[in-house]
Amino acid sequence: MLAALGVILIGISKGFSPTEWAIVLLCIGAVMMAEALNSALEVLMDKLHPEQDAMIGKAKDMAAAGVLIVSLISLIVFFIVVAPYLVK
């Protein structure tokens, strides 16, 4: 959340174009959605199967990997869209 707030503040101060805003906000939303889904899956799996289980562990790992993938893509977008404003 802190990173998202930072990027939003940069966008306000540097004057992102509407397209840049759309891209940045989509990335922020995608990361937040992935985090929410990951958390929901973990809570559900812990409730349905509280004891240790290898398959549940794999499912949790895959959900966490989804968050990582979206986060890495968003980091790439940061370097493409936001970083040039910081260099100017």
PDB file of N, CA and C in Angstrom:
ATOM      1  N   MET A   1       0.820  -1.198   0.000  1.00  0.00           N
ATOM      2  CA  MET A   1       0.000   0.000   0.000  1.00  0.00           C
ATOM      3  C   MET A   1       0.861   1.259   0.000  1.00  0.00           C
ATOM      4  N   LEU A   2       1.970   1.203   0.712  1.00  0.00           N
ATOM      5  CA  LEU A   2       2.854   2.354   0.770  1.00  0.00           C
ATOM      6  C   LEU A   2       3.466   2.648  -0.604  1.00  0.00           C
ATOM      7  N   ALA A   3       3.856   1.596  -1.319  1.00  0.00           N
ATOM      8  CA  ALA A   3       4.415   1.778  -2.662  1.00  0.00           C
ATOM      9  C   ALA A   3       3.360   2.375  -3.596  1.00  0.00           C
ATOM     10  N   ALA A   4       2.125   1.880  -3.497  1.00  0.00           N
ATOM     11  CA  ALA A   4       1.046   2.404  -4.341  1.00  0.00           C
ATOM     12  C   ALA A   4       0.814   3.878  -4.049  1.00  0.00           C
ATOM     13  N   LEU A   5       0.797   4.235  -2.780  1.00  0.00           N
ATOM     14  CA  LEU A   5       0.617   5.635  -2.408  1.00  0.00           C
ATOM     15  C   LEU A   5       1.762   6.487  -2.948  1.00  0.00           C
ATOM     16  N   GLY A   6       2.975   5.963  -2.865  1.00  0.00           N
ATOM     17  CA  GLY A   6       4.131   6.689  -3.390  1.00  0.00           C
ATOM     18  C   GLY A   6       4.024   6.941  -4.882  1.00  0.00           C
ATOM     19  N   VAL A   7       3.618   5.925  -5.620  1.00  0.00           N
ATOM     20  CA  VAL A   7       3.479   6.077  -7.076  1.00  0.00           C
ATOM     21  C   VAL A   7       2.354   7.055  -7.400  1.00  0.00           C
ATOM     22  N   ILE A   8       1.268   7.004  -6.665  1.00  0.00           N
ATOM     23  CA  ILE A   8       0.167   7.940  -6.886  1.00  0.00           C
ATOM     24  C   ILE A   8       0.622   9.372  -6.623  1.00  0.00           C
ATOM     25  N   LEU A   9       1.380   9.570  -5.551  1.00  0.00           N
ATOM     26  CA  LEU A   9       1.893  10.914  -5.259  1.00  0.00           C
ATOM     27  C   LEU A   9       2.859  11.401  -6.338  1.00  0.00           C
ATOM     28  N   ILE A  10       3.687  10.495  -6.849  1.00  0.00           N
ATOM     29  CA  ILE A  10       4.579  10.858  -7.958  1.00  0.00           C
ATOM     30  C   ILE A  10       3.753  11.258  -9.176  1.00  0.00           C
ATOM     31  N   GLY A  11       2.715  10.475  -9.468  1.00  0.00           N
ATOM     32  CA  GLY A  11       1.858  10.779 -10.612  1.00  0.00           C
ATOM     33  C   GLY A  11       1.180  12.119 -10.499  1.00  0.00           C
ATOM     34  N   ILE A  12       0.723  12.456  -9.300  1.00  0.00           N
ATOM     35  CA  ILE A  12       0.071  13.755  -9.088  1.00  0.00           C
ATOM     36  C   ILE A  12       1.081  14.888  -9.261  1.00  0.00           C
ATOM     37  N   SER A  13       2.254  14.714  -8.669  1.00  0.00           N
ATOM     38  CA  SER A  13       3.245  15.802  -8.711  1.00  0.00           C
ATOM     39  C   SER A  13       3.897  15.966 -10.081  1.00  0.00           C
ATOM     40  N   LYS A  14       4.039  14.868 -10.840  1.00  0.00           N
ATOM     41  CA  LYS A  14       4.722  14.933 -12.131  1.00  0.00           C
ATOM     42  C   LYS A  14       3.762  15.061 -13.309  1.00  0.00           C
ATOM     43  N   GLY A  15       2.466  14.841 -13.079  1.00  0.00           N
ATOM     44  CA  GLY A  15       1.478  15.017 -14.141  1.00  0.00           C
ATOM     45  C   GLY A  15       1.427  13.867 -15.135  1.00  0.00           C
ATOM     46  N   PHE A  16       1.124  12.668 -14.644  1.00  0.00           N
ATOM     47  CA  PHE A  16       0.968  11.516 -15.541  1.00  0.00           C
ATOM     48  C   PHE A  16      -0.115  11.805 -16.579  1.00  0.00           C
ATOM     49  N   SER A  17       0.063  11.245 -17.768  1.00  0.00           N
ATOM     50  CA  SER A  17      -0.969  11.323 -18.803  1.00  0.00           C
ATOM     51  C   SER A  17      -2.110  10.372 -18.423  1.00  0.00           C
ATOM     52  N   PRO A  18      -3.285  10.540 -19.043  1.00  0.00           N
ATOM     53  CA  PRO A  18      -4.387   9.615 -18.757  1.00  0.00           C
ATOM     54  C   PRO A  18      -4.011   8.144 -19.018  1.00  0.00           C
ATOM     55  N   THR A  19      -3.243   7.896 -20.054  1.00  0.00           N
ATOM     56  CA  THR A  19      -2.826   6.518 -20.351  1.00  0.00           C
ATOM     57  C   THR A  19      -1.904   5.988 -19.263  1.00  0.00           C
ATOM     58  N   GLU A  20      -0.984   6.823 -18.823  1.00  0.00           N
ATOM     59  CA  GLU A  20      -0.081   6.395 -17.743  1.00  0.00           C
ATOM     60  C   GLU A  20      -0.853   6.126 -16.454  1.00  0.00           C
ATOM     61  N   TRP A  21      -1.833   6.983 -16.158  1.00  0.00           N
ATOM     62  CA  TRP A  21      -2.672   6.746 -14.982  1.00  0.00           C
ATOM     63  C   TRP A  21      -3.402   5.405 -15.098  1.00  0.00           C
ATOM     64  N   ALA A  22      -3.945   5.141 -16.267  1.00  0.00           N
ATOM     65  CA  ALA A  22      -4.679   3.887 -16.463  1.00  0.00           C
ATOM     66  C   ALA A  22      -3.768   2.684 -16.227  1.00  0.00           C
ATOM     67  N   ILE A  23      -2.576   2.725 -16.775  1.00  0.00           N
ATOM     68  CA  ILE A  23      -1.638   1.614 -16.631  1.00  0.00           C
ATOM     69  C   ILE A  23      -1.232   1.437 -15.169  1.00  0.00           C
ATOM     70  N   VAL A  24      -0.884   2.540 -14.521  1.00  0.00           N
ATOM     71  CA  VAL A  24      -0.443   2.474 -13.121  1.00  0.00           C
ATOM     72  C   VAL A  24      -1.570   1.980 -12.217  1.00  0.00           C
ATOM     73  N   LEU A  25      -2.776   2.521 -12.405  1.00  0.00           N
ATOM     74  CA  LEU A  25      -3.897   2.104 -11.559  1.00  0.00           C
ATOM     75  C   LEU A  25      -4.300   0.656 -11.811  1.00  0.00           C
ATOM     76  N   LEU A  26      -4.189   0.212 -13.046  1.00  0.00           N
ATOM     77  CA  LEU A  26      -4.456  -1.206 -13.317  1.00  0.00           C
ATOM     78  C   LEU A  26      -3.449  -2.100 -12.598  1.00  0.00           C
ATOM     79  N   CYS A  27      -2.199  -1.707 -12.593  1.00  0.00           N
ATOM     80  CA  CYS A  27      -1.177  -2.493 -11.880  1.00  0.00           C
ATOM     81  C   CYS A  27      -1.431  -2.501 -10.380  1.00  0.00           C
ATOM     82  N   ILE A  28      -1.746  -1.347  -9.814  1.00  0.00           N
ATOM     83  CA  ILE A  28      -2.041  -1.287  -8.380  1.00  0.00           C
ATOM     84  C   ILE A  28      -3.242  -2.166  -8.053  1.00  0.00           C
ATOM     85  N   GLY A  29      -4.278  -2.065  -8.859  1.00  0.00           N
ATOM     86  CA  GLY A  29      -5.472  -2.892  -8.645  1.00  0.00           C
ATOM     87  C   GLY A  29      -5.191  -4.372  -8.795  1.00  0.00           C
ATOM     88  N   ALA A  30      -4.367  -4.736  -9.768  1.00  0.00           N
ATOM     89  CA  ALA A  30      -4.046  -6.151  -9.989  1.00  0.00           C
ATOM     90  C   ALA A  30      -3.276  -6.734  -8.806  1.00  0.00           C
ATOM     91  N   VAL A  31      -2.324  -5.976  -8.275  1.00  0.00           N
ATOM     92  CA  VAL A  31      -1.561  -6.462  -7.121  1.00  0.00           C
ATOM     93  C   VAL A  31      -2.478  -6.593  -5.901  1.00  0.00           C
ATOM     94  N   MET A  32      -3.323  -5.593  -5.679  1.00  0.00           N
ATOM     95  CA  MET A  32      -4.244  -5.664  -4.538  1.00  0.00           C
ATOM     96  C   MET A  32      -5.221  -6.819  -4.674  1.00  0.00           C
ATOM     97  N   MET A  33      -5.718  -7.053  -5.894  1.00  0.00           N
ATOM     98  CA  MET A  33      -6.631  -8.165  -6.125  1.00  0.00           C
ATOM     99  C   MET A  33      -5.928  -9.503  -5.890  1.00  0.00           C
ATOM    100  N   ALA A  34      -4.699  -9.644  -6.398  1.00  0.00           N
ATOM    101  CA  ALA A  34      -3.951 -10.889  -6.212  1.00  0.00           C
ATOM    102  C   ALA A  34      -3.706 -11.147  -4.729  1.00  0.00           C
ATOM    103  N   GLU A  35      -3.361 -10.104  -3.986  1.00  0.00           N
ATOM    104  CA  GLU A  35      -3.139 -10.247  -2.544  1.00  0.00           C
ATOM    105  C   GLU A  35      -4.427 -10.678  -1.837  1.00  0.00           C
ATOM    106  N   ALA A  36      -5.546 -10.070  -2.213  1.00  0.00           N
ATOM    107  CA  ALA A  36      -6.822 -10.412  -1.586  1.00  0.00           C
ATOM    108  C   ALA A  36      -7.212 -11.852  -1.887  1.00  0.00           C
ATOM    109  N   LEU A  37      -7.059 -12.266  -3.144  1.00  0.00           N
ATOM    110  CA  LEU A  37      -7.384 -13.649  -3.497  1.00  0.00           C
ATOM    111  C   LEU A  37      -6.466 -14.637  -2.786  1.00  0.00           C
ATOM    112  N   ASN A  38      -5.184 -14.322  -2.706  1.00  0.00           N
ATOM    113  CA  ASN A  38      -4.239 -15.179  -2.005  1.00  0.00           C
ATOM    114  C   ASN A  38      -4.639 -15.327  -0.534  1.00  0.00           C
ATOM    115  N   SER A  39      -4.972 -14.212   0.096  1.00  0.00           N
ATOM    116  CA  SER A  39      -5.379 -14.249   1.504  1.00  0.00           C
ATOM    117  C   SER A  39      -6.665 -15.049   1.691  1.00  0.00           C
ATOM    118  N   ALA A  40      -7.616 -14.835   0.786  1.00  0.00           N
ATOM    119  CA  ALA A  40      -8.884 -15.567   0.882  1.00  0.00           C
ATOM    120  C   ALA A  40      -8.672 -17.071   0.727  1.00  0.00           C
ATOM    121  N   LEU A  41      -7.832 -17.455  -0.230  1.00  0.00           N
ATOM    122  CA  LEU A  41      -7.552 -18.883  -0.424  1.00  0.00           C
ATOM    123  C   LEU A  41      -6.859 -19.483   0.789  1.00  0.00           C
ATOM    124  N   GLU A  42      -5.930 -18.761   1.373  1.00  0.00           N
ATOM    125  CA  GLU A  42      -5.234 -19.273   2.549  1.00  0.00           C
ATOM    126  C   GLU A  42      -6.183 -19.451   3.725  1.00  0.00           C
ATOM    127  N   VAL A  43      -7.043 -18.472   3.974  1.00  0.00           N
ATOM    128  CA  VAL A  43      -8.004 -18.575   5.070  1.00  0.00           C
ATOM    129  C   VAL A  43      -8.949 -19.749   4.842  1.00  0.00           C
ATOM    130  N   LEU A  44      -9.458 -19.876   3.614  1.00  0.00           N
ATOM    131  CA  LEU A  44     -10.377 -20.965   3.293  1.00  0.00           C
ATOM    132  C   LEU A  44      -9.708 -22.324   3.463  1.00  0.00           C
ATOM    133  N   MET A  45      -8.489 -22.460   2.947  1.00  0.00           N
ATOM    134  CA  MET A  45      -7.795 -23.742   3.059  1.00  0.00           C
ATOM    135  C   MET A  45      -7.482 -24.081   4.510  1.00  0.00           C
ATOM    136  N   ASP A  46      -7.096 -23.083   5.303  1.00  0.00           N
ATOM    137  CA  ASP A  46      -6.816 -23.329   6.720  1.00  0.00           C
ATOM    138  C   ASP A  46      -8.073 -23.738   7.473  1.00  0.00           C
ATOM    139  N   LYS A  47      -9.205 -23.173   7.088  1.00  0.00           N
ATOM    140  CA  LYS A  47     -10.476 -23.518   7.749  1.00  0.00           C
ATOM    141  C   LYS A  47     -10.925 -24.930   7.360  1.00  0.00           C
ATOM    142  N   LEU A  48     -10.829 -25.260   6.075  1.00  0.00           N
ATOM    143  CA  LEU A  48     -11.302 -26.566   5.602  1.00  0.00           C
ATOM    144  C   LEU A  48     -10.359 -27.708   5.952  1.00  0.00           C
ATOM    145  N   HIS A  49      -9.060 -27.396   6.042  1.00  0.00           N
ATOM    146  CA  HIS A  49      -8.072 -28.451   6.288  1.00  0.00           C
ATOM    147  C   HIS A  49      -6.988 -27.889   7.210  1.00  0.00           C
ATOM    148  N   PRO A  50      -7.285 -27.775   8.528  1.00  0.00           N
ATOM    149  CA  PRO A  50      -6.358 -27.107   9.440  1.00  0.00           C
ATOM    150  C   PRO A  50      -5.016 -27.833   9.647  1.00  0.00           C
ATOM    151  N   GLU A  51      -4.994 -29.151   9.478  1.00  0.00           N
ATOM    152  CA  GLU A  51      -3.729 -29.867   9.658  1.00  0.00           C
ATOM    153  C   GLU A  51      -2.862 -29.743   8.405  1.00  0.00           C
ATOM    154  N   GLN A  52      -1.570 -30.033   8.569  1.00  0.00           N
ATOM    155  CA  GLN A  52      -0.626 -29.946   7.458  1.00  0.00           C
ATOM    156  C   GLN A  52      -1.017 -30.911   6.332  1.00  0.00           C
ATOM    157  N   ASP A  53      -0.916 -30.434   5.101  1.00  0.00           N
ATOM    158  CA  ASP A  53      -1.205 -31.268   3.940  1.00  0.00           C
ATOM    159  C   ASP A  53      -0.346 -30.773   2.783  1.00  0.00           C
ATOM    160  N   ALA A  54       0.323 -31.704   2.105  1.00  0.00           N
ATOM    161  CA  ALA A  54       1.243 -31.325   1.023  1.00  0.00           C
ATOM    162  C   ALA A  54       0.521 -30.633  -0.126  1.00  0.00           C
ATOM    163  N   MET A  55      -0.647 -31.108  -0.494  1.00  0.00           N
ATOM    164  CA  MET A  55      -1.379 -30.502  -1.614  1.00  0.00           C
ATOM    165  C   MET A  55      -1.887 -29.100  -1.259  1.00  0.00           C
ATOM    166  N   ILE A  56      -2.335 -28.925  -0.025  1.00  0.00           N
ATOM    167  CA  ILE A  56      -2.756 -27.595   0.423  1.00  0.00           C
ATOM    168  C   ILE A  56      -1.555 -26.650   0.388  1.00  0.00           C
ATOM    169  N   GLY A  57      -0.414 -27.142   0.825  1.00  0.00           N
ATOM    170  CA  GLY A  57       0.807 -26.337   0.784  1.00  0.00           C
ATOM    171  C   GLY A  57       1.172 -25.925  -0.627  1.00  0.00           C
ATOM    172  N   LYS A  58       1.038 -26.845  -1.581  1.00  0.00           N
ATOM    173  CA  LYS A  58       1.325 -26.516  -2.986  1.00  0.00           C
ATOM    174  C   LYS A  58       0.351 -25.464  -3.509  1.00  0.00           C
ATOM    175  N   ALA A  59      -0.925 -25.608  -3.159  1.00  0.00           N
ATOM    176  CA  ALA A  59      -1.930 -24.636  -3.609  1.00  0.00           C
ATOM    177  C   ALA A  59      -1.618 -23.248  -3.047  1.00  0.00           C
ATOM    178  N   LYS A  60      -1.225 -23.189  -1.776  1.00  0.00           N
ATOM    179  CA  LYS A  60      -0.856 -21.903  -1.177  1.00  0.00           C
ATOM    180  C   LYS A  60       0.370 -21.313  -1.869  1.00  0.00           C
ATOM    181  N   ASP A  61       1.344 -22.164  -2.168  1.00  0.00           N
ATOM    182  CA  ASP A  61       2.546 -21.695  -2.864  1.00  0.00           C
ATOM    183  C   ASP A  61       2.215 -21.145  -4.250  1.00  0.00           C
ATOM    184  N   MET A  62       1.307 -21.819  -4.954  1.00  0.00           N
ATOM    185  CA  MET A  62       0.926 -21.348  -6.285  1.00  0.00           C
ATOM    186  C   MET A  62       0.182 -20.014  -6.213  1.00  0.00           C
ATOM    187  N   ALA A  63      -0.667 -19.852  -5.210  1.00  0.00           N
ATOM    188  CA  ALA A  63      -1.367 -18.580  -5.042  1.00  0.00           C
ATOM    189  C   ALA A  63      -0.368 -17.468  -4.728  1.00  0.00           C
ATOM    190  N   ALA A  64       0.615 -17.771  -3.888  1.00  0.00           N
ATOM    191  CA  ALA A  64       1.648 -16.783  -3.575  1.00  0.00           C
ATOM    192  C   ALA A  64       2.489 -16.467  -4.814  1.00  0.00           C
ATOM    193  N   ALA A  65       2.720 -17.458  -5.645  1.00  0.00           N
ATOM    194  CA  ALA A  65       3.466 -17.231  -6.887  1.00  0.00           C
ATOM    195  C   ALA A  65       2.699 -16.285  -7.804  1.00  0.00           C
ATOM    196  N   GLY A  66       1.383 -16.388  -7.816  1.00  0.00           N
ATOM    197  CA  GLY A  66       0.568 -15.468  -8.612  1.00  0.00           C
ATOM    198  C   GLY A  66       0.755 -14.030  -8.159  1.00  0.00           C
ATOM    199  N   VAL A  67       0.810 -13.818  -6.848  1.00  0.00           N
ATOM    200  CA  VAL A  67       1.058 -12.481  -6.311  1.00  0.00           C
ATOM    201  C   VAL A  67       2.445 -12.005  -6.742  1.00  0.00           C
ATOM    202  N   LEU A  68       3.426 -12.886  -6.661  1.00  0.00           N
ATOM    203  CA  LEU A  68       4.791 -12.523  -7.051  1.00  0.00           C
ATOM    204  C   LEU A  68       4.864 -12.128  -8.523  1.00  0.00           C
ATOM    205  N   ILE A  69       4.207 -12.881  -9.380  1.00  0.00           N
ATOM    206  CA  ILE A  69       4.226 -12.594 -10.817  1.00  0.00           C
ATOM    207  C   ILE A  69       3.617 -11.220 -11.105  1.00  0.00           C
ATOM    208  N   VAL A  70       2.451 -10.952 -10.532  1.00  0.00           N
ATOM    209  CA  VAL A  70       1.796  -9.656 -10.747  1.00  0.00           C
ATOM    210  C   VAL A  70       2.664  -8.527 -10.185  1.00  0.00           C
ATOM    211  N   SER A  71       3.296  -8.771  -9.049  1.00  0.00           N
ATOM    212  CA  SER A  71       4.158  -7.754  -8.449  1.00  0.00           C
ATOM    213  C   SER A  71       5.381  -7.469  -9.324  1.00  0.00           C
ATOM    214  N   LEU A  72       5.974  -8.505  -9.882  1.00  0.00           N
ATOM    215  CA  LEU A  72       7.137  -8.308 -10.750  1.00  0.00           C
ATOM    216  C   LEU A  72       6.767  -7.580 -12.036  1.00  0.00           C
ATOM    217  N   ILE A  73       5.627  -7.922 -12.612  1.00  0.00           N
ATOM    218  CA  ILE A  73       5.152  -7.209 -13.802  1.00  0.00           C
ATOM    219  C   ILE A  73       4.912  -5.730 -13.464  1.00  0.00           C
ATOM    220  N   SER A  74       4.341  -5.472 -12.289  1.00  0.00           N
ATOM    221  CA  SER A  74       4.099  -4.093 -11.871  1.00  0.00           C
ATOM    222  C   SER A  74       5.408  -3.347 -11.653  1.00  0.00           C
ATOM    223  N   LEU A  75       6.426  -4.030 -11.174  1.00  0.00           N
ATOM    224  CA  LEU A  75       7.740  -3.410 -11.016  1.00  0.00           C
ATOM    225  C   LEU A  75       8.322  -3.024 -12.375  1.00  0.00           C
ATOM    226  N   ILE A  76       8.146  -3.890 -13.360  1.00  0.00           N
ATOM    227  CA  ILE A  76       8.602  -3.574 -14.719  1.00  0.00           C
ATOM    228  C   ILE A  76       7.859  -2.349 -15.247  1.00  0.00           C
ATOM    229  N   VAL A  77       6.548  -2.296 -15.022  1.00  0.00           N
ATOM    230  CA  VAL A  77       5.757  -1.135 -15.441  1.00  0.00           C
ATOM    231  C   VAL A  77       6.259   0.118 -14.736  1.00  0.00           C
ATOM    232  N   PHE A  78       6.617   0.002 -13.460  1.00  0.00           N
ATOM    233  CA  PHE A  78       7.173   1.145 -12.734  1.00  0.00           C
ATOM    234  C   PHE A  78       8.396   1.688 -13.460  1.00  0.00           C
ATOM    235  N   PHE A  79       9.307   0.799 -13.852  1.00  0.00           N
ATOM    236  CA  PHE A  79      10.523   1.258 -14.515  1.00  0.00           C
ATOM    237  C   PHE A  79      10.249   1.851 -15.895  1.00  0.00           C
ATOM    238  N   ILE A  80       9.210   1.384 -16.552  1.00  0.00           N
ATOM    239  CA  ILE A  80       8.871   1.911 -17.887  1.00  0.00           C
ATOM    240  C   ILE A  80       8.112   3.232 -17.800  1.00  0.00           C
ATOM    241  N   VAL A  81       7.145   3.313 -16.875  1.00  0.00           N
ATOM    242  CA  VAL A  81       6.239   4.468 -16.827  1.00  0.00           C
ATOM    243  C   VAL A  81       6.691   5.526 -15.821  1.00  0.00           C
ATOM    244  N   VAL A  82       7.041   5.108 -14.615  1.00  0.00           N
ATOM    245  CA  VAL A  82       7.283   6.060 -13.536  1.00  0.00           C
ATOM    246  C   VAL A  82       8.736   6.518 -13.461  1.00  0.00           C
ATOM    247  N   ALA A  83       9.675   5.607 -13.580  1.00  0.00           N
ATOM    248  CA  ALA A  83      11.089   5.939 -13.394  1.00  0.00           C
ATOM    249  C   ALA A  83      11.571   7.086 -14.288  1.00  0.00           C
ATOM    250  N   PRO A  84      11.139   7.157 -15.556  1.00  0.00           N
ATOM    251  CA  PRO A  84      11.590   8.296 -16.366  1.00  0.00           C
ATOM    252  C   PRO A  84      11.227   9.660 -15.778  1.00  0.00           C
ATOM    253  N   TYR A  85      10.123   9.735 -15.051  1.00  0.00           N
ATOM    254  CA  TYR A  85       9.742  10.991 -14.415  1.00  0.00           C
ATOM    255  C   TYR A  85      10.694  11.341 -13.266  1.00  0.00           C
ATOM    256  N   LEU A  86      11.283  10.326 -12.660  1.00  0.00           N
ATOM    257  CA  LEU A  86      12.195  10.564 -11.544  1.00  0.00           C
ATOM    258  C   LEU A  86      13.582  10.992 -11.996  1.00  0.00           C
ATOM    259  N   VAL A  87      13.920  10.674 -13.246  1.00  0.00           N
ATOM    260  CA  VAL A  87      15.226  11.008 -13.809  1.00  0.00           C
ATOM    261  C   VAL A  87      15.249  12.442 -14.315  1.00  0.00           C
ATOM    262  N   LYS A  88      14.090  12.938 -14.749  1.00  0.00           N
ATOM    263  CA  LYS A  88      14.014  14.293 -15.335  1.00  0.00           C
ATOM    264  C   LYS A  88      14.383  15.354 -14.318  1.00  0.00           C
TER     265      LYS A  88
END
